[in-house]
Amino acid sequence: MFDFLIHVVSIAFIYGILALSLNLQAGYMGLMNFGLVAIFGCGVYGAGLIHYFGFPVFLGLPLALVFAVAMALFFARLGRRLSSDYWGIATLSVAEIVRIFITNLEGLTGGAQGISGLPLLFADLRPWDGVARLLLFGGVLVLAWWLCERLVRSNFGLGMKLIREEPQLARSLGYDIDHIRSVVLVISALLAAVAGVLYAHYLSFVGPELLVAPETFLIWSMVIVGGIANNRGVVLGAIVMQFMMAYVPFVKDYFELPSDFVAAARLVLTGGVILAFLLLRPQGIFPERIGDRHEH
């Protein structure tokens, strides 16, 4: 049971980083990004490709960050040409195109079989390797939370919220909306790429099934449950949702249900939680804190 809890919390911490990444875009900028999984994929495949071609493992993170920045700038370019609603649909389409592209590039990405055998972090510390990974993921999550808090409480963060609420007013006050959106997308992409690298080395495997659309909506559910535009809340939302997902197999075993129940139940749970919170408590567990002091 101890190892299981370590595993669930470890995954929750990684998803917490992803939730913070999405929260910067959706919560503080009002960007409805439904393609975050594509940027996450830059992280997992950055680590995977380095291993696949036999390069030193430490090069995986820089490669992932380069991929993620390129994808973020591409999303930003799309945002200059499309309205917010169409941009959200476009990001979802791009993510699906990326997944199909990766699936069919067998010589480069391993195709549908993916890339296995990535080195496991702290494998030489057994039996405490799980705890070591948990501490690493927790440390990265705390750092990501601190950086997000510093950003949104700064004058730059004030500009983000103004653009979210009154874009025309922000433009009239001299804010460069396209530039600020690009900066936010790049920062959030860097966070998502780091989460992807950690996830790849945690699973020791990367494959296109990690990039399916339901993964993006799972991250959305974490943000909505915790409280959009509240960094503390979205981290809690990630932990709550991950524990709910982790205990679905126990429900299956208790009621002696077929194996395909797990995948279907997780999809229903994600959609049901999103719908329930949107209808009953759209502000989430921790609502956005209005009137926070901004650092100058």
Protein backbone atom coordinates (compact mmCIF):
# COMPACT_ATOMS: atom_id res chain seq x y z
CA MET A 1 0.00 0.00 0.00
CA PHE A 2 2.90 2.35 0.79
CA ASP A 3 4.38 1.87 -2.69
CA PHE A 4 0.96 2.44 -4.24
CA LEU A 5 0.51 5.73 -2.38
CA ILE A 6 4.00 6.83 -3.42
CA HIS A 7 3.09 6.05 -7.01
CA VAL A 8 -0.22 7.93 -6.94
CA VAL A 9 1.25 11.00 -5.26
CA SER A 10 4.19 11.00 -7.68
CA ILE A 11 1.88 11.04 -10.69
CA ALA A 12 -0.29 13.67 -8.99
CA PHE A 13 2.74 15.93 -8.55
CA ILE A 14 3.61 15.65 -12.24
CA TYR A 15 0.03 16.46 -13.19
CA GLY A 16 0.13 19.34 -10.72
CA ILE A 17 2.90 20.90 -12.82
CA LEU A 18 0.74 20.44 -15.92
CA ALA A 19 -2.25 21.98 -14.14
CA LEU A 20 -0.15 25.02 -13.23
CA SER A 21 0.91 25.28 -16.86
CA LEU A 22 -2.67 25.23 -18.10
CA ASN A 23 -3.78 27.60 -15.36
CA LEU A 24 -1.36 30.28 -16.56
CA GLN A 25 -3.01 30.14 -19.97
CA ALA A 26 -6.66 29.53 -19.15
CA GLY A 27 -6.91 30.99 -15.68
CA TYR A 28 -4.89 34.16 -15.95
CA MET A 29 -4.95 34.84 -19.70
CA GLY A 30 -8.29 33.37 -20.72
CA LEU A 31 -6.68 31.19 -23.40
CA MET A 32 -8.78 28.08 -23.99
CA ASN A 33 -5.96 25.73 -24.90
CA PHE A 34 -7.27 22.23 -25.67
CA GLY A 35 -3.96 21.09 -27.09
CA LEU A 36 -1.75 21.17 -24.00
CA VAL A 37 -1.05 17.48 -24.47
CA ALA A 38 0.92 18.35 -27.62
CA ILE A 39 3.31 20.48 -25.57
CA PHE A 40 3.45 17.76 -22.92
CA GLY A 41 4.36 15.44 -25.79
CA CYS A 42 7.33 17.66 -26.58
CA GLY A 43 8.60 16.80 -23.12
CA VAL A 44 8.04 13.06 -23.20
CA TYR A 45 9.39 12.66 -26.73
CA GLY A 46 12.30 14.99 -26.08
CA ALA A 47 13.44 12.54 -23.41
CA GLY A 48 12.43 9.53 -25.50
CA LEU A 49 14.29 10.53 -28.68
CA ILE A 50 17.52 11.23 -26.79
CA HIS A 51 17.37 7.70 -25.37
CA TYR A 52 16.27 6.17 -28.69
CA PHE A 53 19.30 7.51 -30.56
CA GLY A 54 21.76 6.80 -27.77
CA PHE A 55 22.65 10.33 -26.71
CA PRO A 56 23.44 11.22 -23.08
CA VAL A 57 20.28 11.27 -20.97
CA PHE A 58 20.83 14.81 -19.67
CA LEU A 59 20.28 16.16 -23.20
CA GLY A 60 16.63 15.13 -23.04
CA LEU A 61 15.53 18.18 -21.06
CA PRO A 62 17.14 20.80 -23.35
CA LEU A 63 15.71 19.08 -26.42
CA ALA A 64 12.27 18.93 -24.79
CA LEU A 65 12.41 22.62 -23.94
CA VAL A 66 13.35 23.54 -27.52
CA PHE A 67 10.45 21.46 -28.90
CA ALA A 68 8.05 23.00 -26.38
CA VAL A 69 9.06 26.59 -27.13
CA ALA A 70 8.66 25.95 -30.86
CA MET A 71 5.18 24.51 -30.30
CA ALA A 72 4.21 27.40 -28.01
CA LEU A 73 5.31 29.99 -30.57
CA PHE A 74 3.33 28.14 -33.23
CA PHE A 75 0.24 28.26 -31.00
CA ALA A 76 0.89 31.96 -30.41
CA ARG A 77 1.07 32.56 -34.16
CA LEU A 78 -2.26 30.79 -34.59
CA GLY A 79 -3.71 33.04 -31.88
CA ARG A 80 -2.91 36.14 -33.89
CA ARG A 81 -5.06 34.94 -36.76
CA LEU A 82 -7.98 33.32 -34.95
CA SER A 83 -10.58 34.35 -32.40
CA SER A 84 -10.35 32.70 -28.97
CA ASP A 85 -13.03 30.10 -29.72
CA TYR A 86 -11.51 29.04 -33.02
CA TRP A 87 -8.05 29.09 -31.46
CA GLY A 88 -9.16 26.55 -28.87
CA ILE A 89 -10.47 24.24 -31.60
CA ALA A 90 -7.24 24.75 -33.57
CA THR A 91 -5.07 23.73 -30.62
CA LEU A 92 -7.09 20.54 -30.22
CA SER A 93 -6.64 19.81 -33.92
CA VAL A 94 -2.90 20.46 -33.77
CA ALA A 95 -2.54 18.08 -30.83
CA GLU A 96 -4.31 15.33 -32.73
CA ILE A 97 -2.20 15.97 -35.84
CA VAL A 98 0.95 15.72 -33.71
CA ARG A 99 -0.21 12.41 -32.25
CA ILE A 100 -0.97 10.94 -35.69
CA PHE A 101 2.33 12.26 -37.03
CA ILE A 102 4.25 10.60 -34.18
CA THR A 103 2.34 7.34 -34.62
CA ASN A 104 3.31 7.08 -38.28
CA LEU A 105 7.00 8.03 -37.95
CA GLU A 106 8.14 4.57 -36.91
CA GLY A 107 11.77 5.10 -37.86
CA LEU A 108 12.06 8.23 -35.75
CA THR A 109 9.61 7.84 -32.87
CA GLY A 110 9.04 4.09 -32.65
CA GLY A 111 5.55 4.54 -34.10
CA ALA A 112 2.64 2.97 -32.27
CA GLN A 113 5.05 0.80 -30.25
CA GLY A 114 6.68 3.87 -28.75
CA ILE A 115 10.10 3.98 -27.12
CA SER A 116 10.81 1.86 -24.08
CA GLY A 117 13.72 1.33 -21.74
CA LEU A 118 14.27 4.92 -20.67
CA PRO A 119 16.45 5.03 -17.56
CA LEU A 120 14.47 5.17 -14.35
CA LEU A 121 15.41 8.05 -12.08
CA PHE A 122 17.24 7.05 -8.88
CA ALA A 123 17.10 3.36 -9.80
CA ASP A 124 20.31 2.76 -7.85
CA LEU A 125 18.71 3.93 -4.59
CA ARG A 126 16.45 0.92 -4.12
CA PRO A 127 14.43 0.41 -1.97
CA TRP A 128 14.17 4.19 -1.50
CA ASP A 129 14.09 5.08 -5.19
CA GLY A 130 10.34 5.74 -5.10
CA VAL A 131 10.70 8.16 -2.22
CA ALA A 132 13.58 9.91 -3.98
CA ARG A 133 11.48 10.38 -7.11
CA LEU A 134 8.59 11.64 -5.02
CA LEU A 135 10.83 14.23 -3.38
CA LEU A 136 12.17 15.31 -6.79
CA PHE A 137 8.68 15.68 -8.28
CA GLY A 138 7.48 17.51 -5.19
CA GLY A 139 10.44 19.87 -5.32
CA VAL A 140 9.84 20.66 -8.98
CA LEU A 141 6.15 21.20 -8.28
CA VAL A 142 6.90 23.63 -5.44
CA LEU A 143 9.35 25.51 -7.66
CA ALA A 144 6.79 25.67 -10.49
CA TRP A 145 4.14 26.94 -8.06
CA TRP A 146 6.50 29.59 -6.70
CA LEU A 147 7.40 30.79 -10.20
CA CYS A 148 3.73 30.97 -11.19
CA GLU A 149 2.87 32.90 -8.05
CA ARG A 150 5.70 35.36 -8.65
CA LEU A 151 4.55 35.86 -12.21
CA VAL A 152 0.85 36.41 -11.59
CA ARG A 153 1.48 38.72 -8.61
CA SER A 154 3.82 40.96 -10.62
CA ASN A 155 2.95 43.89 -12.87
CA PHE A 156 3.17 41.45 -15.77
CA GLY A 157 0.53 39.32 -14.05
CA LEU A 158 -1.68 42.36 -13.66
CA GLY A 159 -1.42 42.87 -17.39
CA MET A 160 -2.37 39.23 -17.98
CA LYS A 161 -5.56 39.62 -15.96
CA LEU A 162 -6.42 42.91 -17.65
CA ILE A 163 -6.05 41.30 -21.07
CA ARG A 164 -8.27 38.43 -19.90
CA GLU A 165 -11.02 40.74 -18.65
CA GLU A 166 -10.78 43.80 -20.93
CA PRO A 167 -8.55 43.21 -23.95
CA GLN A 168 -9.59 46.40 -25.70
CA LEU A 169 -8.83 48.46 -22.60
CA ALA A 170 -5.48 46.73 -22.24
CA ARG A 171 -4.63 47.52 -25.86
CA SER A 172 -5.63 51.16 -25.40
CA LEU A 173 -3.32 51.37 -22.36
CA GLY A 174 -0.38 50.25 -24.46
CA TYR A 175 -0.17 46.56 -23.61
CA ASP A 176 1.21 44.44 -26.46
CA ILE A 177 -1.34 41.64 -26.26
CA ASP A 178 0.30 39.37 -28.82
CA HIS A 179 3.67 39.65 -27.11
CA ILE A 180 2.26 38.97 -23.63
CA ARG A 181 0.32 35.97 -24.89
CA SER A 182 3.46 34.62 -26.54
CA VAL A 183 5.47 35.02 -23.33
CA VAL A 184 2.80 33.27 -21.25
CA LEU A 185 2.53 30.43 -23.75
CA VAL A 186 6.30 29.94 -23.72
CA ILE A 187 6.53 29.96 -19.92
CA SER A 188 3.66 27.50 -19.55
CA ALA A 189 5.15 25.33 -22.31
CA LEU A 190 8.44 25.12 -20.42
CA LEU A 191 6.58 23.87 -17.36
CA ALA A 192 4.67 21.29 -19.40
CA ALA A 193 7.88 20.09 -21.06
CA VAL A 194 9.59 19.59 -17.69
CA ALA A 195 6.57 17.57 -16.56
CA GLY A 196 6.81 15.51 -19.75
CA VAL A 197 10.49 14.68 -19.20
CA LEU A 198 9.81 13.63 -15.60
CA TYR A 199 6.86 11.51 -16.72
CA ALA A 200 8.87 9.80 -19.45
CA HIS A 201 11.62 8.78 -17.05
CA TYR A 202 9.07 7.74 -14.45
CA LEU A 203 7.28 5.39 -16.83
CA SER A 204 10.49 4.40 -18.68
CA PHE A 205 8.31 4.52 -21.80
CA VAL A 206 6.87 7.04 -24.23
CA GLY A 207 4.19 6.37 -26.81
CA PRO A 208 1.42 8.12 -28.74
CA GLU A 209 -1.21 6.87 -26.29
CA LEU A 210 0.16 9.42 -23.83
CA LEU A 211 -0.96 12.20 -26.18
CA VAL A 212 -4.64 11.41 -26.61
CA ALA A 213 -7.20 14.19 -26.18
CA PRO A 214 -8.67 12.79 -22.92
CA GLU A 215 -5.36 13.60 -21.25
CA THR A 216 -5.87 17.29 -21.98
CA PHE A 217 -9.40 17.16 -20.58
CA LEU A 218 -8.13 15.36 -17.48
CA ILE A 219 -5.80 18.32 -16.88
CA TRP A 220 -8.72 20.68 -17.50
CA SER A 221 -10.74 18.82 -14.86
CA MET A 222 -7.93 19.36 -12.36
CA VAL A 223 -7.94 23.10 -13.03
CA ILE A 224 -11.73 23.37 -12.85
CA VAL A 225 -12.00 21.29 -9.67
CA GLY A 226 -9.24 23.10 -7.84
CA GLY A 227 -10.26 26.59 -8.90
CA ILE A 228 -9.31 28.29 -12.13
CA ALA A 229 -6.88 31.21 -11.67
CA ASN A 230 -5.81 29.87 -8.27
CA ASN A 231 -2.43 28.14 -8.32
CA ARG A 232 -2.88 26.50 -4.93
CA GLY A 233 -6.28 25.25 -6.01
CA VAL A 234 -5.20 23.64 -9.27
CA VAL A 235 -2.45 21.70 -7.47
CA LEU A 236 -5.07 20.38 -5.05
CA GLY A 237 -7.32 19.60 -8.01
CA ALA A 238 -4.54 17.53 -9.57
CA ILE A 239 -4.12 15.52 -6.39
CA VAL A 240 -7.87 14.98 -5.96
CA MET A 241 -8.42 13.88 -9.56
CA GLN A 242 -5.40 11.60 -9.59
CA PHE A 243 -6.54 9.79 -6.45
CA MET A 244 -10.02 9.40 -7.95
CA MET A 245 -8.52 7.94 -11.13
CA ALA A 246 -6.20 5.64 -9.19
CA TYR A 247 -9.03 4.04 -7.24
CA VAL A 248 -11.18 3.20 -10.27
CA PRO A 249 -9.52 -0.26 -10.65
CA PHE A 250 -10.39 -1.06 -7.04
CA VAL A 251 -14.04 -0.32 -7.82
CA LYS A 252 -13.80 -2.65 -10.83
CA ASP A 253 -12.36 -5.45 -8.71
CA TYR A 254 -14.87 -4.93 -5.91
CA PHE A 255 -17.86 -5.24 -8.24
CA GLU A 256 -16.12 -7.83 -10.48
CA LEU A 257 -16.57 -5.72 -13.58
CA PRO A 258 -14.82 -6.36 -16.94
CA SER A 259 -11.37 -4.87 -17.59
CA ASP A 260 -12.59 -2.35 -20.16
CA PHE A 261 -14.61 -0.71 -17.37
CA VAL A 262 -11.51 1.14 -16.11
CA ALA A 263 -10.86 3.18 -19.25
CA ALA A 264 -14.55 3.94 -19.78
CA ALA A 265 -15.09 4.86 -16.12
CA ARG A 266 -12.14 7.26 -16.16
CA LEU A 267 -13.53 9.04 -19.21
CA VAL A 268 -16.97 9.28 -17.62
CA LEU A 269 -15.45 10.44 -14.34
CA THR A 270 -13.47 13.19 -16.05
CA GLY A 271 -16.47 14.45 -18.00
CA GLY A 272 -18.82 14.10 -15.06
CA VAL A 273 -16.56 16.00 -12.69
CA ILE A 274 -16.11 18.83 -15.20
CA LEU A 275 -19.86 19.06 -15.78
CA ALA A 276 -20.71 18.88 -12.08
CA PHE A 277 -18.32 21.64 -11.11
CA LEU A 278 -19.29 23.87 -14.02
CA LEU A 279 -22.94 23.58 -12.99
CA LEU A 280 -22.68 23.54 -9.20
CA ARG A 281 -19.42 25.27 -8.32
CA PRO A 282 -17.80 26.89 -11.37
CA GLN A 283 -15.28 28.74 -9.20
CA GLY A 284 -13.82 25.41 -7.99
CA ILE A 285 -12.77 24.40 -4.49
CA PHE A 286 -10.54 27.46 -4.13
CA PRO A 287 -11.97 30.45 -6.04
CA GLU A 288 -9.73 33.05 -7.61
CA ARG A 289 -8.45 35.48 -4.99
CA ILE A 290 -9.55 38.96 -5.96
CA GLY A 291 -7.45 41.92 -4.92
CA ASP A 292 -4.19 40.09 -4.28
CA ARG A 293 -1.27 42.38 -3.61
CA HIS A 294 0.98 42.75 -6.64
CA GLU A 295 4.71 43.00 -6.25
CA HIS A 296 6.41 45.88 -7.96
